[in-house]
Amino acid sequence: MSNRRTRAEQRGRRGEALAVWSLRLTGWRVLARRARTPRGEVDIVARRGRVICFVEVKWRARAAERESAIDSYRLRRVAAAAEALAARYAKPGDDLRLDVLLLAPGRWPRRIVNAWQPGT
């Protein structure tokens, strides 16, 4: 793995750790990190009450780059992985959603709640 790729991986893991703390501070219980399926990966699976949230975390070096970190292609991949994981984590009657957490140094995390709607 190249040095650039290694550094990106390290920053991504740091971003995920910050995301876990952000979720915990807002009442979420983290059920899994980097949950893998044949259809893709979900960075964080969390529960708060009757809601199971599949969270995609994006870390960018500059705050201005956060907004372009996620697009419909990436959301579709995460949604497919979340669909594959739903039976593992959800109980009957639970609500499911996919959120995106955008991170950059010196900024509060920006959370996009319910970022994926089927058909978008």
C-alpha atoms as a PDB file:
ATOM      1  CA  MET A   1       0.000   0.000   0.000  1.00  0.00           C
ATOM      2  CA  SER A   2       1.375   3.439  -0.894  1.00  0.00           C
ATOM      3  CA  ASN A   3       2.236   6.014   1.761  1.00  0.00           C
ATOM      4  CA  ARG A   4      -0.543   8.252   0.481  1.00  0.00           C
ATOM      5  CA  ARG A   5      -3.092   5.451   0.738  1.00  0.00           C
ATOM      6  CA  THR A   6      -1.804   4.515   4.204  1.00  0.00           C
ATOM      7  CA  ARG A   7      -2.173   8.113   5.412  1.00  0.00           C
ATOM      8  CA  ALA A   8      -5.691   8.304   3.977  1.00  0.00           C
ATOM      9  CA  GLU A   9      -6.583   5.056   5.762  1.00  0.00           C
ATOM     10  CA  GLN A  10      -5.232   6.418   9.062  1.00  0.00           C
ATOM     11  CA  ARG A  11      -7.185   9.665   8.681  1.00  0.00           C
ATOM     12  CA  GLY A  12     -10.312   7.669   7.873  1.00  0.00           C
ATOM     13  CA  ARG A  13      -9.928   5.542  10.992  1.00  0.00           C
ATOM     14  CA  ARG A  14      -9.386   8.675  13.098  1.00  0.00           C
ATOM     15  CA  GLY A  15     -12.504  10.182  11.560  1.00  0.00           C
ATOM     16  CA  GLU A  16     -14.497   7.052  12.384  1.00  0.00           C
ATOM     17  CA  ALA A  17     -13.277   7.186  15.994  1.00  0.00           C
ATOM     18  CA  LEU A  18     -14.436  10.814  16.229  1.00  0.00           C
ATOM     19  CA  ALA A  19     -17.758   9.832  14.674  1.00  0.00           C
ATOM     20  CA  VAL A  20     -18.229   7.107  17.297  1.00  0.00           C
ATOM     21  CA  TRP A  21     -17.693   9.656  20.066  1.00  0.00           C
ATOM     22  CA  SER A  22     -20.081  12.097  18.415  1.00  0.00           C
ATOM     23  CA  LEU A  23     -22.756   9.412  18.175  1.00  0.00           C
ATOM     24  CA  ARG A  24     -22.269   8.283  21.776  1.00  0.00           C
ATOM     25  CA  LEU A  25     -22.490  11.865  23.041  1.00  0.00           C
ATOM     26  CA  THR A  26     -25.864  12.197  21.324  1.00  0.00           C
ATOM     27  CA  GLY A  27     -27.306   9.026  22.853  1.00  0.00           C
ATOM     28  CA  TRP A  28     -26.482   6.389  20.254  1.00  0.00           C
ATOM     29  CA  ARG A  29     -25.145   2.942  21.135  1.00  0.00           C
ATOM     30  CA  VAL A  30     -22.609   1.726  18.589  1.00  0.00           C
ATOM     31  CA  LEU A  31     -23.340  -1.849  17.541  1.00  0.00           C
ATOM     32  CA  ALA A  32     -20.631  -2.316  14.898  1.00  0.00           C
ATOM     33  CA  ARG A  33     -17.776  -0.576  13.138  1.00  0.00           C
ATOM     34  CA  ARG A  34     -16.720  -1.351   9.581  1.00  0.00           C
ATOM     35  CA  ALA A  35     -19.473  -3.909   9.087  1.00  0.00           C
ATOM     36  CA  ARG A  36     -18.666  -5.723   5.849  1.00  0.00           C
ATOM     37  CA  THR A  37     -20.951  -7.546   3.461  1.00  0.00           C
ATOM     38  CA  PRO A  38     -20.459  -8.889  -0.064  1.00  0.00           C
ATOM     39  CA  ARG A  39     -22.349  -5.759  -1.207  1.00  0.00           C
ATOM     40  CA  GLY A  40     -20.093  -3.269   0.566  1.00  0.00           C
ATOM     41  CA  GLU A  41     -19.222  -1.820   3.940  1.00  0.00           C
ATOM     42  CA  VAL A  42     -20.995   0.347   6.493  1.00  0.00           C
ATOM     43  CA  ASP A  43     -18.674   2.454   8.649  1.00  0.00           C
ATOM     44  CA  ILE A  44     -20.851   2.447  11.785  1.00  0.00           C
ATOM     45  CA  VAL A  45     -24.076   0.723  12.826  1.00  0.00           C
ATOM     46  CA  ALA A  46     -25.759   2.393  15.807  1.00  0.00           C
ATOM     47  CA  ARG A  47     -28.992   2.157  17.772  1.00  0.00           C
ATOM     48  CA  ARG A  48     -30.981   4.727  19.711  1.00  0.00           C
ATOM     49  CA  GLY A  49     -34.302   3.477  20.968  1.00  0.00           C
ATOM     50  CA  ARG A  50     -36.161   1.841  18.060  1.00  0.00           C
ATOM     51  CA  VAL A  51     -33.946   3.358  15.357  1.00  0.00           C
ATOM     52  CA  ILE A  52     -31.086   1.513  13.688  1.00  0.00           C
ATOM     53  CA  CYS A  53     -28.790   3.926  11.913  1.00  0.00           C
ATOM     54  CA  PHE A  54     -26.235   2.966   9.279  1.00  0.00           C
ATOM     55  CA  VAL A  55     -23.644   5.744   9.253  1.00  0.00           C
ATOM     56  CA  GLU A  56     -21.236   6.612   6.450  1.00  0.00           C
ATOM     57  CA  VAL A  57     -18.310   8.694   7.720  1.00  0.00           C
ATOM     58  CA  LYS A  58     -16.373  11.028   5.440  1.00  0.00           C
ATOM     59  CA  TRP A  59     -13.237  12.834   6.626  1.00  0.00           C
ATOM     60  CA  ARG A  60     -11.755  15.651   4.603  1.00  0.00           C
ATOM     61  CA  ALA A  61      -8.674  17.776   5.299  1.00  0.00           C
ATOM     62  CA  ARG A  62     -10.564  20.993   4.508  1.00  0.00           C
ATOM     63  CA  ALA A  63     -14.087  21.884   5.548  1.00  0.00           C
ATOM     64  CA  ALA A  64     -14.892  23.140   2.037  1.00  0.00           C
ATOM     65  CA  GLU A  65     -14.306  19.606   0.708  1.00  0.00           C
ATOM     66  CA  ARG A  66     -16.804  17.967   3.071  1.00  0.00           C
ATOM     67  CA  GLU A  67     -19.835  18.713   0.934  1.00  0.00           C
ATOM     68  CA  SER A  68     -18.426  16.948  -2.114  1.00  0.00           C
ATOM     69  CA  ALA A  69     -17.301  13.888  -0.132  1.00  0.00           C
ATOM     70  CA  ILE A  70     -20.557  12.014  -0.655  1.00  0.00           C
ATOM     71  CA  ASP A  71     -22.504  11.446  -3.849  1.00  0.00           C
ATOM     72  CA  SER A  72     -25.373   9.263  -5.017  1.00  0.00           C
ATOM     73  CA  TYR A  73     -23.020   6.471  -6.178  1.00  0.00           C
ATOM     74  CA  ARG A  74     -21.425   6.165  -2.729  1.00  0.00           C
ATOM     75  CA  LEU A  75     -24.808   6.406  -1.036  1.00  0.00           C
ATOM     76  CA  ARG A  76     -26.182   3.571  -3.199  1.00  0.00           C
ATOM     77  CA  ARG A  77     -23.235   1.354  -2.227  1.00  0.00           C
ATOM     78  CA  VAL A  78     -23.713   2.054   1.491  1.00  0.00           C
ATOM     79  CA  ALA A  79     -27.478   1.564   1.161  1.00  0.00           C
ATOM     80  CA  ALA A  80     -26.935  -1.847  -0.465  1.00  0.00           C
ATOM     81  CA  ALA A  81     -24.624  -2.874   2.380  1.00  0.00           C
ATOM     82  CA  ALA A  82     -27.094  -1.540   4.973  1.00  0.00           C
ATOM     83  CA  GLU A  83     -29.889  -3.539   3.371  1.00  0.00           C
ATOM     84  CA  ALA A  84     -27.750  -6.674   3.657  1.00  0.00           C
ATOM     85  CA  LEU A  85     -26.997  -5.910   7.329  1.00  0.00           C
ATOM     86  CA  ALA A  86     -30.518  -4.918   8.405  1.00  0.00           C
ATOM     87  CA  ALA A  87     -31.611  -8.415   9.408  1.00  0.00           C
ATOM     88  CA  ARG A  88     -28.528  -8.788  11.617  1.00  0.00           C
ATOM     89  CA  TYR A  89     -29.177  -5.651  13.688  1.00  0.00           C
ATOM     90  CA  ALA A  90     -32.844  -4.673  13.393  1.00  0.00           C
ATOM     91  CA  LYS A  91     -35.672  -6.085  15.446  1.00  0.00           C
ATOM     92  CA  PRO A  92     -39.303  -6.165  14.283  1.00  0.00           C
ATOM     93  CA  GLY A  93     -40.754  -2.663  14.460  1.00  0.00           C
ATOM     94  CA  ASP A  94     -37.394  -0.863  14.292  1.00  0.00           C
ATOM     95  CA  ASP A  95     -36.979   2.079  11.955  1.00  0.00           C
ATOM     96  CA  LEU A  96     -33.954   2.012   9.675  1.00  0.00           C
ATOM     97  CA  ARG A  97     -32.103   4.967   8.262  1.00  0.00           C
ATOM     98  CA  LEU A  98     -28.833   5.904   6.615  1.00  0.00           C
ATOM     99  CA  ASP A  99     -27.005   8.990   7.886  1.00  0.00           C
ATOM    100  CA  VAL A 100     -23.804  10.621   6.691  1.00  0.00           C
ATOM    101  CA  LEU A 101     -21.344  12.231   9.086  1.00  0.00           C
ATOM    102  CA  LEU A 102     -18.986  14.743   7.449  1.00  0.00           C
ATOM    103  CA  LEU A 103     -15.830  15.647   9.366  1.00  0.00           C
ATOM    104  CA  ALA A 104     -13.003  18.155   8.922  1.00  0.00           C
ATOM    105  CA  PRO A 105     -10.374  19.518  11.314  1.00  0.00           C
ATOM    106  CA  GLY A 106     -11.500  22.431  13.453  1.00  0.00           C
ATOM    107  CA  ARG A 107     -15.184  22.026  12.550  1.00  0.00           C
ATOM    108  CA  TRP A 108     -18.149  20.507  14.275  1.00  0.00           C
ATOM    109  CA  PRO A 109     -19.316  17.296  12.601  1.00  0.00           C
ATOM    110  CA  ARG A 110     -22.016  17.871   9.977  1.00  0.00           C
ATOM    111  CA  ARG A 111     -24.651  15.187  10.033  1.00  0.00           C
ATOM    112  CA  ILE A 112     -26.987  14.495   7.143  1.00  0.00           C
ATOM    113  CA  VAL A 113     -29.919  12.649   8.703  1.00  0.00           C
ATOM    114  CA  ASN A 114     -31.738  10.094   6.548  1.00  0.00           C
ATOM    115  CA  ALA A 115     -29.433  10.828   3.610  1.00  0.00           C
ATOM    116  CA  TRP A 116     -30.699   7.995   1.403  1.00  0.00           C
ATOM    117  CA  GLN A 117     -34.193   7.529   0.104  1.00  0.00           C
ATOM    118  CA  PRO A 118     -34.731   4.575  -2.263  1.00  0.00           C
ATOM    119  CA  GLY A 119     -35.103   5.765  -5.818  1.00  0.00           C
ATOM    120  CA  THR A 120     -32.789   8.772  -5.429  1.00  0.00           C
END
